[in-house]
Protein backbone atom coordinates (compact mmCIF):
# COMPACT_ATOMS: atom_id res chain seq x y z
CA UNK A 1 -11.17 8.47 -0.64
CA UNK A 2 -8.50 7.74 2.01
CA UNK A 3 -10.07 5.87 4.39
CA UNK A 4 -8.68 6.85 8.08
CA UNK A 5 -9.36 3.21 10.63
CA UNK A 6 -6.40 5.36 13.40
CA UNK A 7 -3.41 4.34 11.98
CA UNK A 8 -1.81 7.80 11.10
CA UNK A 9 -0.47 9.08 7.35
CA UNK A 10 -3.46 10.44 5.71
CA UNK A 11 -2.47 13.89 6.31
CA UNK A 12 0.73 13.51 3.67
CA UNK A 13 -0.82 11.78 1.50
CA UNK A 14 -3.98 14.08 0.92
CA UNK A 15 -1.82 17.01 1.30
CA UNK A 16 -0.52 15.07 -2.14
CA UNK A 17 -3.43 14.71 -3.05
CA UNK A 18 -4.45 18.39 -2.66
CA UNK A 19 -1.39 19.22 -4.93
CA UNK A 20 -2.46 17.36 -7.64
CA UNK A 21 -5.57 19.03 -8.02
CA UNK A 22 -7.70 15.38 -6.91
CA UNK A 23 -10.35 15.94 -5.05
CA UNK A 24 -10.46 13.55 -1.66
CA UNK A 25 -11.90 13.03 1.59
CA UNK A 26 -11.05 11.30 4.40
CA UNK A 27 -13.71 9.00 6.64
CA UNK A 28 -14.03 5.56 8.00
CA UNK A 29 -17.85 6.16 6.79
CA UNK A 30 -19.50 3.59 4.94
CA UNK A 31 -21.35 4.42 3.05
CA UNK A 32 -18.61 7.45 1.74
CA UNK A 33 -16.59 4.12 1.43
CA UNK A 34 -19.42 2.36 -1.14
CA UNK A 35 -20.06 6.06 -2.82
CA UNK A 36 -16.05 7.42 -3.27
CA UNK A 37 -14.63 5.92 -7.45
CA UNK A 38 -11.34 4.56 -5.55
CA UNK A 39 -9.70 4.01 -1.97
CA UNK A 40 -7.03 4.39 -0.41
CA UNK A 41 -5.66 2.59 2.50
CA UNK A 42 -2.45 4.21 4.17
CA UNK A 43 -1.47 3.64 7.00
CA UNK A 44 2.36 3.10 9.73
CA UNK A 45 2.22 0.52 12.48
CA UNK A 46 1.87 -2.35 13.14
CA UNK A 47 0.33 -5.51 10.82
CA UNK A 48 -2.33 -6.91 14.40
CA UNK A 49 -3.42 -2.70 15.09
CA UNK A 50 -4.10 -2.71 11.84
CA UNK A 51 -6.18 -5.13 11.00
CA UNK A 52 -7.78 -4.82 14.46
CA UNK A 53 -9.03 -1.07 14.15
CA UNK A 54 -10.26 -1.91 10.48
CA UNK A 55 -12.40 -5.61 12.24
CA UNK A 56 -13.19 -2.03 15.06
CA UNK A 57 -14.12 0.41 12.70
CA UNK A 58 -16.46 -2.29 11.05
CA UNK A 59 -14.60 -1.95 7.67
CA UNK A 60 -13.43 -5.79 6.74
CA UNK A 61 -16.87 -6.49 4.76
CA UNK A 62 -17.42 -3.14 2.60
CA UNK A 63 -13.56 -3.70 1.86
CA UNK A 64 -13.78 -6.83 -0.12
CA UNK A 65 -16.75 -6.24 -1.55
CA UNK A 66 -16.16 -2.88 -2.39
CA UNK A 67 -13.00 -3.66 -3.95
CA UNK A 68 -12.63 -7.24 -4.80
CA UNK A 69 -16.56 -8.30 -5.96
CA UNK A 70 -17.25 -4.62 -7.44
CA UNK A 71 -13.08 -4.58 -8.40
CA UNK A 72 -12.98 -0.42 -7.20
CA UNK A 73 -9.86 1.05 -7.89
CA UNK A 74 -7.63 0.82 -4.87
CA UNK A 75 -4.27 1.55 -4.11
CA UNK A 76 -2.38 0.94 -0.87
CA UNK A 77 0.48 2.40 1.01
CA UNK A 78 3.20 1.02 3.10
CA UNK A 79 0.66 -0.60 5.84
CA UNK A 80 -2.00 -0.40 3.53
CA UNK A 81 0.32 -2.85 1.48
CA UNK A 82 0.77 -5.49 4.21
CA UNK A 83 -2.96 -5.27 4.90
CA UNK A 84 -3.77 -7.01 2.34
CA UNK A 85 -1.32 -10.93 2.27
CA UNK A 86 -2.87 -13.77 4.23
CA UNK A 87 -1.37 -13.05 7.63
CA UNK A 88 1.30 -11.49 9.04
CA UNK A 89 3.79 -12.11 12.41
CA UNK A 90 3.91 -8.41 13.67
CA UNK A 91 3.62 -8.31 16.44
CA UNK A 92 2.46 -12.01 16.52
CA UNK A 93 0.35 -13.63 13.86
CA UNK A 94 -2.85 -12.62 12.99
CA UNK A 95 -5.44 -12.86 9.54
CA UNK A 96 -4.75 -10.22 7.05
CA UNK A 97 -7.56 -8.97 4.41
CA UNK A 98 -6.16 -12.43 2.27
CA UNK A 99 -7.34 -10.52 -0.81
CA UNK A 100 -2.87 -11.34 -2.77
CA UNK A 101 -1.41 -15.07 -0.79
CA UNK A 102 1.74 -13.99 1.17
CA UNK A 103 2.49 -13.29 4.93
CA UNK A 104 4.53 -9.72 6.30
CA UNK A 105 7.08 -10.88 7.48
CA UNK A 106 10.01 -9.32 9.80
CA UNK A 107 13.26 -8.16 7.97
CA UNK A 108 16.08 -10.28 8.74
CA UNK A 109 19.47 -8.21 8.03
CA UNK A 110 22.06 -8.03 10.59
CA UNK A 111 24.45 -5.58 8.46
CA UNK A 112 22.25 -3.39 8.03
CA UNK A 113 20.04 -1.07 10.19
CA UNK A 114 16.40 -1.70 10.70
CA UNK A 115 14.29 -0.23 10.24
CA UNK A 116 14.61 0.39 6.20
CA UNK A 117 14.78 3.77 6.36
CA UNK A 118 14.84 6.36 3.23
CA UNK A 119 15.84 6.68 -0.18
CA UNK A 120 16.05 3.55 -2.54
CA UNK A 121 16.25 2.24 -5.63
CA UNK A 122 12.76 1.10 -7.16
CA UNK A 123 13.05 -1.44 -9.98
CA UNK A 124 10.13 -2.19 -12.15
CA UNK A 125 9.74 -6.45 -12.69
CA UNK A 126 7.64 -5.67 -15.95
CA UNK A 127 5.68 -3.17 -17.75
CA UNK A 128 3.18 -1.47 -15.82
CA UNK A 129 1.21 2.35 -16.77
CA UNK A 130 1.12 3.48 -12.89
CA UNK A 131 5.06 2.21 -12.48
CA UNK A 132 6.60 3.69 -15.31
CA UNK A 133 10.40 4.12 -15.45
CA UNK A 134 12.17 0.53 -15.01
CA UNK A 135 14.31 2.43 -12.08
CA UNK A 136 12.83 4.98 -9.50
CA UNK A 137 14.06 6.34 -6.26
CA UNK A 138 11.33 6.18 -3.87
CA UNK A 139 10.82 6.81 0.41
CA UNK A 140 11.07 4.01 2.92
CA UNK A 141 10.08 3.11 6.29
CA UNK A 142 9.33 -0.14 6.92
CA UNK A 143 10.41 -2.96 9.25
CA UNK A 144 8.86 -5.57 7.58
CA UNK A 145 7.75 -7.09 4.30
CA UNK A 146 5.53 -8.63 2.49
CA UNK A 147 6.67 -12.31 0.94
CA UNK A 148 4.17 -12.42 -1.90
CA UNK A 149 3.60 -16.03 -2.97
CA UNK A 150 2.23 -15.22 -7.08
CA UNK A 151 5.81 -13.49 -8.21
CA UNK A 152 3.67 -12.17 -11.59
CA UNK A 153 1.72 -10.24 -8.87
CA UNK A 154 5.04 -8.14 -7.85
CA UNK A 155 5.44 -4.95 -9.34
CA UNK A 156 8.54 -3.83 -8.23
CA UNK A 157 11.10 -4.77 -6.03
CA UNK A 158 13.93 -2.96 -4.05
CA UNK A 159 17.49 -3.95 -2.45
CA UNK A 160 17.96 -3.86 1.20
CA UNK A 161 20.67 -6.53 1.64
CA UNK A 162 17.66 -8.97 0.32
CA UNK A 163 15.49 -9.01 -2.84
CA UNK A 164 12.46 -7.04 -1.34
CA UNK A 165 8.53 -6.78 -3.18
CA UNK A 166 8.31 -2.86 -2.75
CA UNK A 167 5.20 -2.25 -4.84
CA UNK A 168 3.14 -4.91 -6.57
CA UNK A 169 -0.46 -4.74 -9.47
CA UNK A 170 -3.51 -6.75 -9.62
CA UNK A 171 -6.46 -5.99 -11.93
CA UNK A 172 -7.98 -3.10 -9.92
CA UNK A 173 -5.17 -3.09 -6.97
CA UNK A 174 -2.07 -1.65 -7.20
CA UNK A 175 -0.69 -1.50 -3.62
CA UNK A 176 3.66 0.54 -2.56
CA UNK A 177 5.56 -0.80 0.34
CA UNK A 178 6.92 2.68 -0.35
CA UNK A 179 5.28 6.20 0.13
CA UNK A 180 4.37 8.00 -2.65
CA UNK A 181 3.40 10.94 -1.05
CA UNK A 182 6.68 11.37 0.03
CA UNK A 183 8.79 10.57 -3.13
CA UNK A 184 8.54 13.50 -4.72
CA UNK A 185 8.50 13.87 -7.64
CA UNK A 186 8.72 10.24 -8.71
CA UNK A 187 5.08 9.49 -6.22
CA UNK A 188 3.36 12.17 -7.82
CA UNK A 189 4.04 10.92 -10.74
CA UNK A 190 2.44 7.15 -10.17
CA UNK A 191 -0.65 9.01 -7.95
CA UNK A 192 -1.24 10.85 -11.18
CA UNK A 193 -1.11 7.84 -12.80
CA UNK A 194 -3.14 5.36 -10.64
CA UNK A 195 -5.62 7.56 -10.91
CA UNK A 196 -5.32 8.26 -14.65
CA UNK A 197 -5.65 4.89 -15.78
CA UNK A 198 -9.04 3.99 -13.93
CA UNK A 199 -10.80 7.71 -13.73
């Protein structure tokens, strides 16, 4: 199930799933979330607005229950990864979902353009069923990054002046700063492996 909380990007995610013959629905209905076999939280935009939309949609409690208590497979994409953090700072400091300890901060690269936009090489930092190669090229667009507290949660990084977290994996949670649905064969392979792992 693709969660629609008013932060965009749901159409391209569902298009990629259709291409892979993976059935999905787009919804913010609490009962649909409870009945879904897996959950995808995409998103583009500001951290604070994303959290506000989740709160006003009444989704925070049910998502926490399904993902953290019942261990339902969860895929976060771009803002959907960042919202897992303890705290965000875009455009002001506010609480995140708090599933993965860390803070989302603005990228500071004086010699490079921000946002980090376009293709870049993702480097895997440990073994994973979902990212199966040590290096893959993926598509990014972001101005903020997830500064993760526990390095063991980090699955992959990307170099853009500094080294940034590109993907995280912990138990039933996989999340990517890049857009798998826009990353052509590499991204489609990750989506396939996510559903295969959690079938």
